[in-house]
Each structure stands twice: as C-alpha cells, then as structure tokens.
Protein backbone atom coordinates (compact mmCIF):
# COMPACT_ATOMS: atom_id res chain seq x y z
CA UNK A 1 320.54 -65.55 226.85
CA UNK A 2 318.89 -63.68 224.79
CA UNK A 3 316.44 -60.82 226.10
CA UNK A 4 312.88 -62.27 224.28
CA UNK A 5 313.92 -65.32 226.29
CA UNK A 6 314.53 -64.03 229.58
CA UNK A 7 310.83 -61.79 228.85
CA UNK A 8 309.51 -65.51 228.63
CA UNK A 9 311.19 -66.83 231.64
CA UNK A 10 310.32 -63.86 233.48
CA UNK A 11 306.34 -64.19 232.66
CA UNK A 12 306.41 -67.60 233.73
CA UNK A 13 307.75 -67.25 236.86
CA UNK A 14 305.63 -64.51 237.98
CA UNK A 15 302.52 -66.72 236.91
CA UNK A 16 303.77 -69.32 238.98
CA UNK A 17 303.73 -66.74 241.57
CA UNK A 18 300.61 -66.13 241.36
CA UNK A 19 299.25 -69.42 241.58
CA UNK A 20 301.30 -70.18 244.57
CA UNK A 21 299.33 -67.43 246.48
CA UNK A 22 296.14 -68.16 244.79
CA UNK A 23 296.78 -71.97 246.16
CA UNK A 24 297.27 -70.88 249.88
CA UNK A 25 294.81 -68.07 250.27
CA UNK A 26 292.09 -70.26 251.15
CA UNK A 27 289.18 -68.02 249.50
CA UNK A 28 291.22 -67.07 246.45
CA UNK A 29 291.86 -70.35 245.66
CA UNK A 30 288.63 -71.00 244.54
CA UNK A 31 288.07 -68.23 242.23
CA UNK A 32 288.25 -69.13 238.22
CA UNK A 33 291.12 -67.25 236.58
CA UNK A 34 288.07 -64.88 234.82
CA UNK A 35 286.63 -64.01 238.30
CA UNK A 36 289.82 -62.65 239.63
CA UNK A 37 290.39 -60.82 236.54
CA UNK A 38 287.12 -59.18 235.86
CA UNK A 39 286.08 -58.55 239.96
CA UNK A 40 283.64 -61.73 239.76
CA UNK A 41 280.88 -63.45 238.01
CA UNK A 42 278.46 -60.79 235.97
CA UNK A 43 274.83 -62.54 235.03
CA UNK A 44 274.40 -59.48 233.01
CA UNK A 45 277.27 -59.45 231.14
CA UNK A 46 277.15 -63.12 230.72
CA UNK A 47 274.20 -63.52 229.26
CA UNK A 48 274.52 -60.27 226.91
CA UNK A 49 277.73 -62.13 225.62
CA UNK A 50 275.79 -65.63 225.00
CA UNK A 51 273.04 -63.59 223.62
CA UNK A 52 275.30 -61.88 220.97
CA UNK A 53 277.55 -64.91 220.20
CA UNK A 54 274.50 -67.39 219.87
CA UNK A 55 274.82 -69.51 216.38
CA UNK A 56 271.83 -67.63 214.01
CA UNK A 57 269.43 -70.23 213.28
CA UNK A 58 268.83 -68.98 209.72
CA UNK A 59 269.38 -65.87 207.68
CA UNK A 60 267.81 -65.51 204.65
CA UNK A 61 269.30 -64.12 201.06
CA UNK A 62 267.95 -60.97 200.25
CA UNK A 63 266.38 -60.56 196.37
CA UNK A 64 264.97 -57.62 194.20
CA UNK A 65 262.34 -59.14 192.78
CA UNK A 66 261.66 -59.46 189.31
CA UNK A 67 260.67 -56.57 187.30
CA UNK A 68 260.45 -54.29 190.33
CA UNK A 69 263.78 -53.13 190.53
CA UNK A 70 263.30 -49.42 188.94
CA UNK A 71 260.30 -47.03 189.38
CA UNK A 72 259.20 -44.15 187.57
CA UNK A 73 257.10 -41.31 189.02
CA UNK A 74 255.04 -39.55 186.42
CA UNK A 75 253.05 -36.13 185.99
CA UNK A 76 249.81 -36.48 187.80
CA UNK A 77 247.48 -38.04 185.03
CA UNK A 78 250.19 -38.86 182.33
CA UNK A 79 250.94 -42.22 183.50
CA UNK A 80 253.33 -44.32 180.76
CA UNK A 81 254.17 -41.49 179.34
CA UNK A 82 258.10 -40.87 179.17
CA UNK A 83 258.20 -37.63 178.35
CA UNK A 84 256.03 -36.97 181.43
CA UNK A 85 258.72 -38.87 184.36
CA UNK A 86 259.34 -37.01 187.24
CA UNK A 87 261.67 -39.09 188.72
CA UNK A 88 263.21 -42.14 188.16
CA UNK A 89 264.16 -44.28 191.17
CA UNK A 90 266.58 -47.70 191.18
CA UNK A 91 267.51 -49.89 194.09
CA UNK A 92 271.24 -50.66 193.84
CA UNK A 93 272.33 -52.54 197.44
CA UNK A 94 271.00 -54.35 199.87
CA UNK A 95 272.67 -56.00 203.33
CA UNK A 96 271.04 -58.05 206.18
CA UNK A 97 271.64 -58.85 209.74
CA UNK A 98 270.04 -61.80 211.85
CA UNK A 99 269.93 -62.54 215.35
CA UNK A 100 268.62 -65.37 217.16
CA UNK A 101 267.55 -65.11 220.91
CA UNK A 102 268.23 -68.35 222.81
CA UNK A 103 266.06 -68.40 225.06
CA UNK A 104 263.06 -68.24 222.58
CA UNK A 105 264.47 -69.42 219.24
CA UNK A 106 263.39 -66.18 217.75
CA UNK A 107 265.05 -64.61 214.77
CA UNK A 108 264.61 -61.33 213.91
CA UNK A 109 266.23 -59.88 210.76
CA UNK A 110 267.00 -56.24 209.84
CA UNK A 111 267.42 -55.22 206.62
CA UNK A 112 269.15 -52.40 204.52
CA UNK A 113 267.78 -51.23 201.32
CA UNK A 114 269.99 -48.46 199.21
CA UNK A 115 269.44 -46.70 195.89
CA UNK A 116 269.62 -43.73 194.01
CA UNK A 117 266.50 -41.25 192.21
CA UNK A 118 267.33 -39.06 189.51
CA UNK A 119 265.00 -36.64 187.78
CA UNK A 120 263.01 -37.48 184.49
CA UNK A 121 262.73 -35.50 181.47
CA UNK A 122 260.63 -33.12 183.16
CA UNK A 123 263.63 -32.04 185.39
CA UNK A 124 261.70 -32.07 188.88
CA UNK A 125 263.43 -31.54 192.46
CA UNK A 126 262.04 -32.13 195.77
CA UNK A 127 260.52 -35.05 198.02
CA UNK A 128 258.60 -37.88 197.06
CA UNK A 129 257.90 -40.99 198.21
CA UNK A 130 259.08 -44.62 196.97
CA UNK A 131 256.66 -47.58 197.95
CA UNK A 132 258.76 -50.26 198.89
CA UNK A 133 257.88 -53.82 199.48
CA UNK A 134 260.08 -56.05 201.86
CA UNK A 135 258.33 -60.26 201.92
CA UNK A 136 259.65 -62.60 203.66
CA UNK A 137 259.15 -66.09 201.88
CA UNK A 138 259.50 -69.89 203.40
CA UNK A 139 259.48 -72.94 200.95
CA UNK A 140 258.68 -70.93 197.56
CA UNK A 141 255.14 -69.46 198.53
CA UNK A 142 255.00 -69.36 202.34
CA UNK A 143 254.67 -65.50 203.41
CA UNK A 144 255.72 -64.95 206.85
CA UNK A 145 256.62 -61.11 206.70
CA UNK A 146 254.93 -58.61 203.96
CA UNK A 147 255.35 -54.98 204.65
CA UNK A 148 255.21 -51.57 202.59
CA UNK A 149 257.18 -48.78 202.95
CA UNK A 150 256.68 -45.42 202.08
CA UNK A 151 260.13 -44.46 201.79
CA UNK A 152 261.33 -40.06 201.14
CA UNK A 153 263.67 -39.50 198.45
CA UNK A 154 264.27 -36.01 197.43
CA UNK A 155 266.25 -33.81 195.29
CA UNK A 156 267.24 -30.74 196.43
CA UNK A 157 267.24 -28.16 193.66
CA UNK A 158 270.69 -27.67 191.45
CA UNK A 159 270.84 -31.57 191.68
CA UNK A 160 269.70 -34.21 188.92
CA UNK A 161 270.55 -36.84 191.70
CA UNK A 162 270.20 -38.09 195.05
CA UNK A 163 270.95 -41.24 197.25
CA UNK A 164 267.98 -42.91 199.66
CA UNK A 165 268.08 -45.54 202.49
CA UNK A 166 265.42 -47.53 204.22
CA UNK A 167 266.29 -49.95 207.36
CA UNK A 168 263.75 -52.42 207.82
CA UNK A 169 264.20 -53.82 211.30
CA UNK A 170 261.35 -56.36 213.19
CA UNK A 171 261.28 -59.66 210.58
CA UNK A 172 260.83 -62.51 212.66
CA UNK A 173 261.26 -65.68 212.17
CA UNK A 174 260.20 -68.29 215.14
CA UNK A 175 261.68 -71.85 215.85
CA UNK A 176 258.66 -73.49 214.79
CA UNK A 177 259.48 -72.12 210.99
CA UNK A 178 263.39 -72.19 211.24
CA UNK A 179 264.05 -74.88 208.77
CA UNK A 180 263.52 -74.77 204.60
CA UNK A 181 264.42 -72.56 202.16
CA UNK A 182 264.09 -68.86 203.13
CA UNK A 183 264.28 -65.66 200.73
CA UNK A 184 263.89 -62.00 201.26
CA UNK A 185 262.29 -60.06 198.88
CA UNK A 186 262.66 -56.15 198.01
CA UNK A 187 261.65 -54.10 195.39
CA UNK A 188 259.39 -51.29 193.86
CA UNK A 189 255.49 -51.98 195.08
CA UNK A 190 253.39 -50.10 192.26
CA UNK A 191 250.29 -51.88 193.37
CA UNK A 192 247.09 -49.62 193.39
CA UNK A 193 245.20 -48.81 196.47
CA UNK A 194 242.42 -51.45 197.29
CA UNK A 195 239.08 -49.05 197.05
CA UNK A 196 237.74 -51.18 200.11
CA UNK A 197 240.57 -50.65 202.05
CA UNK A 198 241.51 -47.45 200.91
CA UNK A 199 245.49 -48.62 201.22
CA UNK A 200 247.59 -51.12 199.32
CA UNK A 201 247.79 -55.08 199.99
C-alpha cells in the first residue's frame, strides 16, 4: 500500500471515529459540522455573509460622456487662448463596485475615477480644482443620481504632470428602479454657475 492511500484511509477512519462519538454523546449529536467547527452559531457573522455574497441586482457600466474627457484651465480672463493654458487634465480610467442589500433591495454603487494633469504652455504648478460630474441614468433619460465634485489635483514645483483620483460613494438604485438599462456617466463639467443659485446645476 503506498503512502498516499494510507493517509486517505487514516483520514477516513478518523472521520468515522468522530461521527461515532457524535452519535453516542447525546447533545453533541444534534450539532451540525459547522457548529462543531465554529463553536456554535453566530447570527451576526451569518448575516454579514449573506450580505457579502447576496446577488447584485444591477451594476451599470461606467462611460465618459462625449466631449468631457479633457479639461483646460486657462489664465484668468484668457479663456480659449491656447497659449494661456495653465493646466490640461484628462480622465484615463474608471471602475465601479456594486452591492445589493438583501433586506431592502437597495443597490449602492461606488465609482473610482483616475486621471492625469499636465502643465500648459505657461508651465504653471500648484493645486487646481477639477469639476467632475457623475450621473447615473436609467433607460436613456431618467436621471437617478447627479452630483458635481471639485477634485483637487496638484503638480509640485519641478514636475510637469501628476495623477489625480476621485472616489464617489453613495450612488443608490432602489429595488423599484432596478430593471431597465443603466449607465453611469463621468466627465468634466465646465458649465457656468447659475447666477440665481450661486452654483453649478
């Protein structure tokens, strides 16, 4: 008999011994193998496991809206002058993470956005704010979420470029809206502030 087969037989014999002991020990025989190993049921751990591995109802793709992938920051009063560009930023990558709460049916989505910023002809360094809009759309025209974020991007002196990131958490899709076609758009928002509201819409 080779050694591997011997080990298998020994393992089976040990398992049989445990089963026999369980059947003859009264209360222990009523416990499941999971309870024997874990030392008893853990409702909190079971609930956490259910939530962690619950099927995701919807997890939209992320796309950059056409025409919003690049942003130029000009010297004050010189908008549109390509010789007066202080910074030029771009969106390079993005990802999303989705989770559905089995008790409420609410799906929450986290979106990560990554990009680069470069100095323009003026060669400016320092920190600038990048206006990034994130929008969740259902069936082509129903806006479920829309938020503008002012993301800091910094080029240190002596450098010509840097990376920036933005993490957006809290995008919610309720169970009543979980059917249909979905997309999450990201992009730079260069819209002017609404003078009546004092901020971008």
